[in-house]
Amino acid sequence: MIRSDVTQALAAAACIAALAACASSPERGLLSSPESQLKLRSIQSRAYDTPDRQMVLRGVIATLQDLEFMIDAADAALGTVSARKFQVGRGSSVASELTVTVTVRPRGEKQTLVRVNAEFNRKAVEDPEVYQSFFVALGKSLFLSGREVD
């Protein structure tokens, strides 16, 4: 009787250990330092010298479409746009997905702040070049919109 209780206890402990090993641990960057979060936020954000939030929002949508993204949702009241882009690698059937969420909000009385969050295959993008490329394209779009050029 004692032997079967010990066997059951060991089996239960082994099951618990196996389940604990399978549990996903938080990603290292999930609770990263405030300094790194601030640095990432500064990479993801740009202020534009216009109080016209709707014009900037239209520019964001146009820029995303020019970059071949599919718009999933746009909310003018909240100032948010969500979009995604699929790519299949050459010679491969594996698809990659790039998703972005853009937030447009007033910054003071004379500026509008744009913040972009990007994920590649469900992992946060921290590469500054990705964000810089988007902001360069958005800047051109807003420049052309301000000049009323189609």
N, C-alpha and C. Protein backbone atom coordinates (compact mmCIF):
# COMPACT_ATOMS: atom_id res chain seq x y z
N MET A 1 0.81 -1.19 0.00
CA MET A 1 0.00 0.00 0.00
C MET A 1 0.86 1.26 0.00
N ILE A 2 1.88 1.27 0.84
CA ILE A 2 2.76 2.42 0.91
C ILE A 2 3.49 2.59 -0.42
N ARG A 3 3.88 1.46 -1.01
CA ARG A 3 4.60 1.53 -2.27
C ARG A 3 3.74 2.15 -3.36
N SER A 4 2.45 1.82 -3.42
CA SER A 4 1.58 2.38 -4.45
C SER A 4 1.33 3.87 -4.19
N ASP A 5 1.27 4.32 -2.94
CA ASP A 5 1.12 5.75 -2.62
C ASP A 5 2.35 6.53 -3.07
N VAL A 6 3.52 5.95 -2.84
CA VAL A 6 4.77 6.60 -3.25
C VAL A 6 4.82 6.67 -4.77
N THR A 7 4.43 5.59 -5.44
CA THR A 7 4.42 5.56 -6.89
C THR A 7 3.47 6.61 -7.44
N GLN A 8 2.29 6.74 -6.85
CA GLN A 8 1.32 7.74 -7.30
C GLN A 8 1.85 9.16 -7.06
N ALA A 9 2.50 9.38 -5.93
CA ALA A 9 3.05 10.70 -5.63
C ALA A 9 4.15 11.06 -6.62
N LEU A 10 5.02 10.07 -6.93
CA LEU A 10 6.08 10.31 -7.90
C LEU A 10 5.50 10.57 -9.29
N ALA A 11 4.47 9.83 -9.66
CA ALA A 11 3.83 10.03 -10.96
C ALA A 11 3.20 11.42 -11.03
N ALA A 12 2.55 11.84 -9.95
CA ALA A 12 1.94 13.17 -9.91
C ALA A 12 3.01 14.25 -10.00
N ALA A 13 4.12 14.06 -9.28
CA ALA A 13 5.21 15.04 -9.31
C ALA A 13 5.81 15.11 -10.72
N ALA A 14 5.95 13.96 -11.37
CA ALA A 14 6.49 13.94 -12.73
C ALA A 14 5.56 14.67 -13.69
N CYS A 15 4.24 14.47 -13.52
CA CYS A 15 3.27 15.17 -14.38
C CYS A 15 3.35 16.67 -14.17
N ILE A 16 3.44 17.10 -12.92
CA ILE A 16 3.52 18.52 -12.61
C ILE A 16 4.79 19.12 -13.19
N ALA A 17 5.90 18.39 -13.06
CA ALA A 17 7.17 18.88 -13.61
C ALA A 17 7.10 18.97 -15.13
N ALA A 18 6.47 18.00 -15.77
CA ALA A 18 6.35 18.03 -17.23
C ALA A 18 5.48 19.20 -17.68
N LEU A 19 4.38 19.43 -16.95
CA LEU A 19 3.52 20.56 -17.29
C LEU A 19 4.24 21.89 -17.08
N ALA A 20 5.00 21.99 -16.01
CA ALA A 20 5.73 23.22 -15.75
C ALA A 20 6.77 23.48 -16.83
N ALA A 21 7.40 22.42 -17.33
CA ALA A 21 8.40 22.58 -18.38
C ALA A 21 7.77 23.02 -19.69
N CYS A 22 6.51 22.61 -19.93
CA CYS A 22 5.81 22.98 -21.16
C CYS A 22 5.21 24.37 -21.10
N ALA A 23 5.03 24.90 -19.90
CA ALA A 23 4.41 26.22 -19.78
C ALA A 23 5.32 27.26 -20.41
N SER A 24 4.71 28.20 -21.09
CA SER A 24 5.52 29.23 -21.75
C SER A 24 5.97 30.26 -20.73
N SER A 25 7.20 30.60 -20.81
CA SER A 25 7.74 31.63 -19.92
C SER A 25 7.60 32.98 -20.61
N PRO A 26 7.48 34.07 -19.84
CA PRO A 26 7.36 35.39 -20.47
C PRO A 26 8.60 35.70 -21.29
N GLU A 27 8.39 36.38 -22.39
CA GLU A 27 9.52 36.77 -23.24
C GLU A 27 10.41 37.74 -22.47
N ARG A 28 11.66 37.71 -22.77
CA ARG A 28 12.63 38.55 -22.07
C ARG A 28 12.29 40.03 -22.20
N GLY A 29 11.81 40.44 -23.36
CA GLY A 29 11.52 41.85 -23.59
C GLY A 29 10.19 42.32 -23.06
N LEU A 30 9.36 41.39 -22.58
CA LEU A 30 8.02 41.76 -22.15
C LEU A 30 8.03 42.80 -21.05
N LEU A 31 8.89 42.62 -20.09
CA LEU A 31 8.96 43.58 -18.98
C LEU A 31 10.33 44.25 -18.98
N SER A 32 10.74 44.69 -20.14
CA SER A 32 12.06 45.30 -20.24
C SER A 32 12.09 46.64 -19.51
N SER A 33 13.26 47.18 -19.41
CA SER A 33 13.46 48.40 -18.62
C SER A 33 12.70 49.59 -19.19
N PRO A 34 12.36 50.55 -18.34
CA PRO A 34 11.67 51.75 -18.82
C PRO A 34 12.48 52.52 -19.86
N GLU A 35 13.81 52.47 -19.76
CA GLU A 35 14.64 53.17 -20.74
C GLU A 35 14.48 52.57 -22.13
N SER A 36 14.44 51.23 -22.21
CA SER A 36 14.30 50.60 -23.53
C SER A 36 12.89 50.84 -24.08
N GLN A 37 11.89 50.87 -23.22
CA GLN A 37 10.53 51.17 -23.66
C GLN A 37 10.44 52.60 -24.20
N LEU A 38 11.10 53.52 -23.52
CA LEU A 38 11.12 54.92 -23.97
C LEU A 38 11.83 55.05 -25.32
N LYS A 39 12.94 54.33 -25.48
CA LYS A 39 13.68 54.36 -26.73
C LYS A 39 12.82 53.80 -27.87
N LEU A 40 12.13 52.69 -27.62
CA LEU A 40 11.27 52.09 -28.65
C LEU A 40 10.12 53.04 -29.00
N ARG A 41 9.52 53.65 -28.00
CA ARG A 41 8.43 54.59 -28.26
C ARG A 41 8.91 55.78 -29.10
N SER A 42 10.12 56.25 -28.86
CA SER A 42 10.63 57.37 -29.66
C SER A 42 10.89 56.95 -31.10
N ILE A 43 11.28 55.69 -31.32
CA ILE A 43 11.47 55.17 -32.68
C ILE A 43 10.13 55.05 -33.38
N GLN A 44 9.09 54.69 -32.65
CA GLN A 44 7.77 54.43 -33.22
C GLN A 44 6.94 55.69 -33.42
N SER A 45 7.39 56.84 -32.97
CA SER A 45 6.56 58.05 -32.98
C SER A 45 7.19 59.18 -33.76
N ARG A 46 6.31 59.98 -34.39
CA ARG A 46 6.73 61.21 -35.07
C ARG A 46 5.64 62.26 -34.89
N ALA A 47 6.06 63.49 -34.71
CA ALA A 47 5.12 64.61 -34.61
C ALA A 47 5.16 65.38 -35.92
N TYR A 48 3.98 65.78 -36.38
CA TYR A 48 3.86 66.55 -37.62
C TYR A 48 3.26 67.91 -37.30
N ASP A 49 3.77 68.93 -37.95
CA ASP A 49 3.36 70.31 -37.68
C ASP A 49 2.05 70.64 -38.38
N THR A 50 0.99 70.00 -37.93
CA THR A 50 -0.35 70.31 -38.39
C THR A 50 -1.34 69.89 -37.31
N PRO A 51 -2.34 70.71 -37.07
CA PRO A 51 -3.36 70.33 -36.10
C PRO A 51 -4.47 69.49 -36.74
N ASP A 52 -4.40 69.25 -38.06
CA ASP A 52 -5.46 68.55 -38.79
C ASP A 52 -5.30 67.04 -38.67
N ARG A 53 -5.86 66.49 -37.62
CA ARG A 53 -5.74 65.06 -37.34
C ARG A 53 -6.37 64.22 -38.44
N GLN A 54 -7.49 64.66 -39.00
CA GLN A 54 -8.17 63.90 -40.05
C GLN A 54 -7.32 63.81 -41.32
N MET A 55 -6.64 64.89 -41.66
CA MET A 55 -5.76 64.88 -42.82
C MET A 55 -4.61 63.89 -42.60
N VAL A 56 -4.05 63.88 -41.41
CA VAL A 56 -2.96 62.97 -41.10
C VAL A 56 -3.47 61.53 -41.14
N LEU A 57 -4.66 61.30 -40.62
CA LEU A 57 -5.25 59.96 -40.63
C LEU A 57 -5.46 59.48 -42.08
N ARG A 58 -5.95 60.35 -42.94
CA ARG A 58 -6.10 60.00 -44.35
C ARG A 58 -4.73 59.71 -44.98
N GLY A 59 -3.72 60.48 -44.59
CA GLY A 59 -2.37 60.25 -45.09
C GLY A 59 -1.82 58.90 -44.64
N VAL A 60 -2.11 58.52 -43.39
CA VAL A 60 -1.68 57.21 -42.88
C VAL A 60 -2.31 56.09 -43.70
N ILE A 61 -3.61 56.19 -43.95
CA ILE A 61 -4.31 55.16 -44.73
C ILE A 61 -3.75 55.10 -46.15
N ALA A 62 -3.55 56.25 -46.78
CA ALA A 62 -3.01 56.28 -48.14
C ALA A 62 -1.60 55.69 -48.17
N THR A 63 -0.79 56.01 -47.18
CA THR A 63 0.58 55.50 -47.13
C THR A 63 0.58 53.98 -46.97
N LEU A 64 -0.25 53.47 -46.08
CA LEU A 64 -0.33 52.03 -45.89
C LEU A 64 -0.77 51.33 -47.18
N GLN A 65 -1.74 51.91 -47.86
CA GLN A 65 -2.19 51.32 -49.12
C GLN A 65 -1.08 51.39 -50.17
N ASP A 66 -0.36 52.50 -50.24
CA ASP A 66 0.76 52.61 -51.18
C ASP A 66 1.84 51.56 -50.89
N LEU A 67 1.98 51.19 -49.62
CA LEU A 67 2.96 50.18 -49.21
C LEU A 67 2.38 48.76 -49.31
N GLU A 68 1.22 48.64 -49.96
CA GLU A 68 0.55 47.37 -50.23
C GLU A 68 0.02 46.66 -49.00
N PHE A 69 -0.40 47.43 -48.00
CA PHE A 69 -1.06 46.86 -46.84
C PHE A 69 -2.56 46.79 -47.11
N MET A 70 -3.22 45.83 -46.49
CA MET A 70 -4.68 45.75 -46.51
C MET A 70 -5.17 46.38 -45.21
N ILE A 71 -6.07 47.33 -45.32
CA ILE A 71 -6.60 47.99 -44.13
C ILE A 71 -7.63 47.07 -43.49
N ASP A 72 -7.41 46.71 -42.23
CA ASP A 72 -8.35 45.87 -41.50
C ASP A 72 -9.43 46.71 -40.84
N ALA A 73 -9.02 47.81 -40.22
CA ALA A 73 -9.96 48.66 -39.50
C ALA A 73 -9.41 50.07 -39.41
N ALA A 74 -10.31 51.03 -39.50
CA ALA A 74 -9.95 52.44 -39.32
C ALA A 74 -11.05 53.09 -38.52
N ASP A 75 -10.68 53.82 -37.49
CA ASP A 75 -11.65 54.50 -36.64
C ASP A 75 -11.25 55.96 -36.52
N ALA A 76 -11.98 56.83 -37.20
CA ALA A 76 -11.65 58.25 -37.21
C ALA A 76 -11.82 58.87 -35.82
N ALA A 77 -12.82 58.43 -35.07
CA ALA A 77 -13.05 59.00 -33.74
C ALA A 77 -11.89 58.68 -32.79
N LEU A 78 -11.39 57.46 -32.86
CA LEU A 78 -10.27 57.06 -32.00
C LEU A 78 -8.93 57.44 -32.60
N GLY A 79 -8.89 57.63 -33.91
CA GLY A 79 -7.64 57.95 -34.59
C GLY A 79 -6.74 56.74 -34.73
N THR A 80 -7.33 55.57 -35.01
CA THR A 80 -6.53 54.36 -35.15
C THR A 80 -6.76 53.70 -36.51
N VAL A 81 -5.70 53.05 -36.99
CA VAL A 81 -5.76 52.28 -38.23
C VAL A 81 -4.99 50.99 -37.99
N SER A 82 -5.60 49.87 -38.37
CA SER A 82 -4.92 48.57 -38.30
C SER A 82 -4.84 48.01 -39.71
N ALA A 83 -3.67 47.46 -40.04
CA ALA A 83 -3.47 46.93 -41.39
C ALA A 83 -2.51 45.75 -41.34
N ARG A 84 -2.55 44.96 -42.42
CA ARG A 84 -1.66 43.81 -42.51
C ARG A 84 -1.19 43.61 -43.94
N LYS A 85 -0.05 42.92 -44.03
CA LYS A 85 0.55 42.65 -45.33
C LYS A 85 1.10 41.23 -45.28
N PHE A 86 0.75 40.45 -46.28
CA PHE A 86 1.24 39.07 -46.37
C PHE A 86 2.29 38.97 -47.47
N GLN A 87 3.27 38.13 -47.24
CA GLN A 87 4.30 37.89 -48.24
C GLN A 87 4.63 36.41 -48.24
N VAL A 88 4.87 35.86 -49.40
CA VAL A 88 5.33 34.49 -49.52
C VAL A 88 6.74 34.56 -50.07
N GLY A 89 7.66 33.89 -49.37
CA GLY A 89 9.05 33.91 -49.79
C GLY A 89 9.25 33.25 -51.14
N ARG A 90 10.23 33.72 -51.88
CA ARG A 90 10.53 33.14 -53.20
C ARG A 90 10.99 31.69 -53.02
N GLY A 91 10.40 30.82 -53.82
CA GLY A 91 10.76 29.41 -53.75
C GLY A 91 10.27 28.73 -52.49
N SER A 92 9.34 29.36 -51.80
CA SER A 92 8.84 28.80 -50.54
C SER A 92 7.34 28.98 -50.48
N SER A 93 6.70 28.12 -49.73
CA SER A 93 5.26 28.27 -49.55
C SER A 93 4.94 28.85 -48.18
N VAL A 94 5.96 29.26 -47.45
CA VAL A 94 5.78 29.83 -46.12
C VAL A 94 5.41 31.31 -46.23
N ALA A 95 4.29 31.66 -45.63
CA ALA A 95 3.82 33.04 -45.68
C ALA A 95 4.29 33.79 -44.43
N SER A 96 4.61 35.05 -44.61
CA SER A 96 4.96 35.93 -43.50
C SER A 96 3.89 37.00 -43.40
N GLU A 97 3.68 37.48 -42.19
CA GLU A 97 2.65 38.50 -41.98
C GLU A 97 3.25 39.67 -41.21
N LEU A 98 3.06 40.86 -41.77
CA LEU A 98 3.46 42.08 -41.09
C LEU A 98 2.18 42.83 -40.75
N THR A 99 1.95 43.09 -39.48
CA THR A 99 0.77 43.84 -39.06
C THR A 99 1.21 45.14 -38.41
N VAL A 100 0.43 46.19 -38.62
CA VAL A 100 0.72 47.48 -38.01
C VAL A 100 -0.56 48.06 -37.42
N THR A 101 -0.38 48.75 -36.33
CA THR A 101 -1.45 49.55 -35.74
C THR A 101 -0.90 50.96 -35.60
N VAL A 102 -1.61 51.91 -36.17
CA VAL A 102 -1.17 53.30 -36.16
C VAL A 102 -2.18 54.11 -35.35
N THR A 103 -1.67 54.94 -34.46
CA THR A 103 -2.49 55.82 -33.66
C THR A 103 -2.14 57.26 -34.00
N VAL A 104 -3.17 58.06 -34.26
CA VAL A 104 -2.99 59.48 -34.61
C VAL A 104 -3.73 60.29 -33.56
N ARG A 105 -3.00 61.19 -32.89
CA ARG A 105 -3.65 62.00 -31.85
C ARG A 105 -3.04 63.40 -31.82
N PRO A 106 -3.82 64.35 -31.30
CA PRO A 106 -3.29 65.71 -31.21
C PRO A 106 -2.13 65.78 -30.23
N ARG A 107 -1.20 66.66 -30.52
CA ARG A 107 -0.09 66.95 -29.60
C ARG A 107 -0.05 68.45 -29.47
N GLY A 108 -0.61 68.94 -28.40
CA GLY A 108 -0.73 70.38 -28.23
C GLY A 108 -1.75 70.93 -29.21
N GLU A 109 -1.63 72.21 -29.53
CA GLU A 109 -2.59 72.85 -30.42
C GLU A 109 -2.12 72.91 -31.86
N LYS A 110 -0.83 72.66 -32.10
CA LYS A 110 -0.30 72.86 -33.45
C LYS A 110 0.31 71.61 -34.07
N GLN A 111 0.30 70.50 -33.35
CA GLN A 111 0.94 69.29 -33.89
C GLN A 111 0.02 68.08 -33.78
N THR A 112 0.35 67.06 -34.58
CA THR A 112 -0.33 65.78 -34.53
C THR A 112 0.74 64.71 -34.37
N LEU A 113 0.53 63.80 -33.44
CA LEU A 113 1.49 62.74 -33.15
C LEU A 113 1.01 61.44 -33.78
N VAL A 114 1.92 60.77 -34.48
CA VAL A 114 1.63 59.48 -35.10
C VAL A 114 2.53 58.45 -34.44
N ARG A 115 1.91 57.36 -33.98
CA ARG A 115 2.68 56.26 -33.39
C ARG A 115 2.32 54.96 -34.10
N VAL A 116 3.34 54.20 -34.48
CA VAL A 116 3.17 52.95 -35.20
C VAL A 116 3.70 51.80 -34.36
N ASN A 117 2.91 50.75 -34.23
CA ASN A 117 3.36 49.51 -33.61
C ASN A 117 3.33 48.45 -34.70
N ALA A 118 4.45 47.79 -34.94
CA ALA A 118 4.53 46.76 -35.98
C ALA A 118 4.89 45.41 -35.37
N GLU A 119 4.32 44.38 -35.97
CA GLU A 119 4.65 43.00 -35.59
C GLU A 119 4.92 42.21 -36.85
N PHE A 120 5.96 41.39 -36.82
CA PHE A 120 6.28 40.50 -37.93
C PHE A 120 6.11 39.08 -37.42
N ASN A 121 5.17 38.36 -38.01
CA ASN A 121 4.84 37.00 -37.56
C ASN A 121 4.60 36.97 -36.05
N ARG A 122 3.83 37.93 -35.59
CA ARG A 122 3.39 38.05 -34.18
C ARG A 122 4.51 38.36 -33.18
N LYS A 123 5.62 38.88 -33.69
CA LYS A 123 6.71 39.32 -32.80
C LYS A 123 6.94 40.79 -33.03
N ALA A 124 7.09 41.54 -31.95
CA ALA A 124 7.27 42.99 -32.05
C ALA A 124 8.49 43.34 -32.88
N VAL A 125 8.32 44.33 -33.73
CA VAL A 125 9.42 44.82 -34.56
C VAL A 125 10.09 45.97 -33.81
N GLU A 126 11.39 45.83 -33.60
CA GLU A 126 12.14 46.87 -32.89
C GLU A 126 13.20 47.52 -33.78
N ASP A 127 13.24 47.13 -35.04
CA ASP A 127 14.22 47.67 -35.98
C ASP A 127 13.82 49.09 -36.37
N PRO A 128 14.66 50.09 -36.05
CA PRO A 128 14.32 51.48 -36.35
C PRO A 128 14.10 51.75 -37.84
N GLU A 129 14.78 51.01 -38.72
CA GLU A 129 14.65 51.24 -40.16
C GLU A 129 13.23 50.99 -40.66
N VAL A 130 12.54 50.02 -40.08
CA VAL A 130 11.16 49.72 -40.48
C VAL A 130 10.29 50.95 -40.23
N TYR A 131 10.41 51.51 -39.05
CA TYR A 131 9.59 52.67 -38.69
C TYR A 131 10.01 53.90 -39.48
N GLN A 132 11.32 54.06 -39.67
CA GLN A 132 11.81 55.21 -40.42
C GLN A 132 11.29 55.18 -41.86
N SER A 133 11.26 54.00 -42.48
CA SER A 133 10.74 53.88 -43.84
C SER A 133 9.28 54.29 -43.91
N PHE A 134 8.50 53.87 -42.92
CA PHE A 134 7.09 54.25 -42.91
C PHE A 134 6.95 55.76 -42.77
N PHE A 135 7.70 56.36 -41.85
CA PHE A 135 7.57 57.80 -41.62
C PHE A 135 8.05 58.63 -42.81
N VAL A 136 9.05 58.14 -43.53
CA VAL A 136 9.50 58.84 -44.75
C VAL A 136 8.37 58.84 -45.77
N ALA A 137 7.74 57.68 -45.96
CA ALA A 137 6.62 57.59 -46.92
C ALA A 137 5.44 58.44 -46.46
N LEU A 138 5.15 58.43 -45.16
CA LEU A 138 4.05 59.25 -44.64
C LEU A 138 4.36 60.73 -44.81
N GLY A 139 5.58 61.14 -44.55
CA GLY A 139 5.97 62.53 -44.72
C GLY A 139 5.76 63.01 -46.15
N LYS A 140 6.12 62.16 -47.11
CA LYS A 140 5.89 62.51 -48.52
C LYS A 140 4.40 62.62 -48.82
N SER A 141 3.62 61.70 -48.29
CA SER A 141 2.17 61.73 -48.51
C SER A 141 1.56 62.98 -47.92
N LEU A 142 1.98 63.36 -46.72
CA LEU A 142 1.42 64.56 -46.08
C LEU A 142 1.88 65.81 -46.80
N PHE A 143 3.11 65.82 -47.30
CA PHE A 143 3.60 66.94 -48.07
C PHE A 143 2.74 67.14 -49.32
N LEU A 144 2.48 66.03 -50.02
CA LEU A 144 1.68 66.11 -51.23
C LEU A 144 0.24 66.49 -50.91
N SER A 145 -0.30 65.99 -49.78
CA SER A 145 -1.67 66.36 -49.38
C SER A 145 -1.76 67.84 -49.05
N GLY A 146 -0.73 68.36 -48.39
CA GLY A 146 -0.71 69.78 -48.04
C GLY A 146 -0.62 70.66 -49.27
N ARG A 147 -0.07 70.12 -50.33
CA ARG A 147 0.05 70.86 -51.59
C ARG A 147 -1.12 70.54 -52.52
N GLU A 148 -2.02 69.67 -52.06
CA GLU A 148 -3.18 69.23 -52.83
C GLU A 148 -2.79 68.66 -54.18
N VAL A 149 -1.76 67.80 -54.15
CA VAL A 149 -1.30 67.11 -55.36
C VAL A 149 -1.81 65.70 -55.30
N ASP A 150 -2.42 65.22 -56.37
CA ASP A 150 -2.92 63.84 -56.40
C ASP A 150 -1.94 62.91 -57.04
